[in-house]
Amino acid sequence: MPPEISIRNTISIGCKQAKSGLAIYNVAKAAVINFTQATVVCMVPNMLVNCVCPVSAVTTLMHLQGQNFSKEFEKSVVTMISAGRRVTP
């Protein structure tokens, strides 16, 4: 029987490794993982809960925050991505 309720949470690779200046963002994303897991443990019958972690992309939010896009920073981000590159929005 297909689930009657479906919840999909979105996180970021940022929750996997701390970055300077992004602590609050990273903690919030890590909390979403914990929330997802807790929901699964306490879920009602016919409920599907999962969490997706899309690949990193340079976004407007990063530019608004004055994100450092140095070669060193880019290398540190890309090393967390199995494909070895960011996506283009």
Protein backbone atom coordinates (compact mmCIF):
# COMPACT_ATOMS: atom_id res chain seq x y z
CA MET A 1 0.00 0.00 0.00
CA PRO A 2 1.49 3.40 -0.96
CA PRO A 3 2.12 5.86 1.88
CA GLU A 4 -0.70 8.25 2.71
CA ILE A 5 1.74 10.81 4.08
CA SER A 6 5.07 11.65 2.50
CA ILE A 7 7.66 14.02 3.97
CA ARG A 8 10.87 14.89 2.14
CA ASN A 9 13.40 17.03 3.93
CA THR A 10 16.29 18.73 2.18
CA ILE A 11 19.70 19.08 3.75
CA SER A 12 23.11 20.18 2.58
CA ILE A 13 26.58 18.72 2.47
CA GLY A 14 27.31 21.55 4.89
CA CYS A 15 25.96 19.42 7.71
CA LYS A 16 28.71 16.87 7.11
CA GLN A 17 31.68 19.18 7.68
CA ALA A 18 31.95 22.44 9.61
CA LYS A 19 32.91 25.58 7.68
CA SER A 20 33.96 28.91 9.10
CA GLY A 21 31.14 31.46 9.00
CA LEU A 22 28.45 28.86 8.30
CA ALA A 23 28.05 27.28 11.75
CA ILE A 24 24.38 28.20 12.27
CA TYR A 25 23.44 27.04 8.76
CA ASN A 26 25.32 23.76 9.20
CA VAL A 27 23.80 23.10 12.63
CA ALA A 28 20.31 23.74 11.24
CA LYS A 29 20.86 21.25 8.42
CA ALA A 30 22.24 18.65 10.86
CA ALA A 31 19.12 19.18 12.98
CA VAL A 32 16.97 18.35 9.94
CA ILE A 33 18.75 14.99 9.67
CA ASN A 34 18.05 14.27 13.34
CA PHE A 35 14.43 15.40 12.93
CA THR A 36 14.03 13.09 9.93
CA GLN A 37 15.46 10.11 11.82
CA ALA A 38 13.31 10.83 14.89
CA THR A 39 10.22 11.11 12.69
CA VAL A 40 10.97 7.73 11.13
CA VAL A 41 11.29 6.12 14.59
CA CYS A 42 8.01 7.66 15.75
CA MET A 43 6.16 7.53 12.44
CA VAL A 44 2.58 6.52 11.99
CA PRO A 45 1.60 3.66 9.68
CA ASN A 46 1.59 4.51 5.96
CA MET A 47 4.00 7.40 6.38
CA LEU A 48 7.14 7.83 4.27
CA VAL A 49 9.89 10.12 5.58
CA ASN A 50 13.22 10.69 3.90
CA CYS A 51 15.94 13.25 3.55
CA VAL A 52 17.78 14.27 0.40
CA CYS A 53 21.18 15.94 0.14
CA PRO A 54 21.61 17.60 -3.26
CA VAL A 55 25.04 18.51 -4.54
CA SER A 56 26.37 21.96 -3.72
CA ALA A 57 25.74 24.90 -6.04
CA VAL A 58 26.86 28.50 -5.84
CA THR A 59 23.68 30.36 -4.92
CA THR A 60 22.49 33.92 -4.40
CA LEU A 61 22.47 33.26 -0.63
CA MET A 62 26.21 32.62 -0.72
CA HIS A 63 26.85 35.88 -2.56
CA LEU A 64 24.61 37.82 -0.15
CA GLN A 65 26.58 36.40 2.78
CA GLY A 66 29.81 37.55 1.17
CA GLN A 67 30.99 33.95 0.89
CA ASN A 68 34.68 33.46 0.24
CA PHE A 69 35.09 31.84 -3.20
CA SER A 70 38.86 31.48 -3.07
CA LYS A 71 40.46 28.49 -4.77
CA GLU A 72 41.20 26.98 -1.36
CA PHE A 73 37.56 27.29 -0.28
CA GLU A 74 36.28 25.80 -3.54
CA LYS A 75 38.69 22.89 -3.19
CA SER A 76 37.49 22.21 0.37
CA VAL A 77 33.85 22.17 -0.80
CA VAL A 78 34.46 20.03 -3.88
CA THR A 79 36.35 17.41 -1.84
CA MET A 80 33.06 16.63 -0.04
CA ILE A 81 31.26 15.95 -3.34
CA SER A 82 31.63 12.48 -4.81
CA ALA A 83 31.31 13.83 -8.38
CA GLY A 84 34.17 16.24 -7.69
CA ARG A 85 32.29 19.34 -8.85
CA ARG A 86 29.40 21.65 -7.97
CA VAL A 87 26.21 21.83 -9.99
CA THR A 88 25.18 24.91 -11.94
CA PRO A 89 21.75 26.27 -10.94
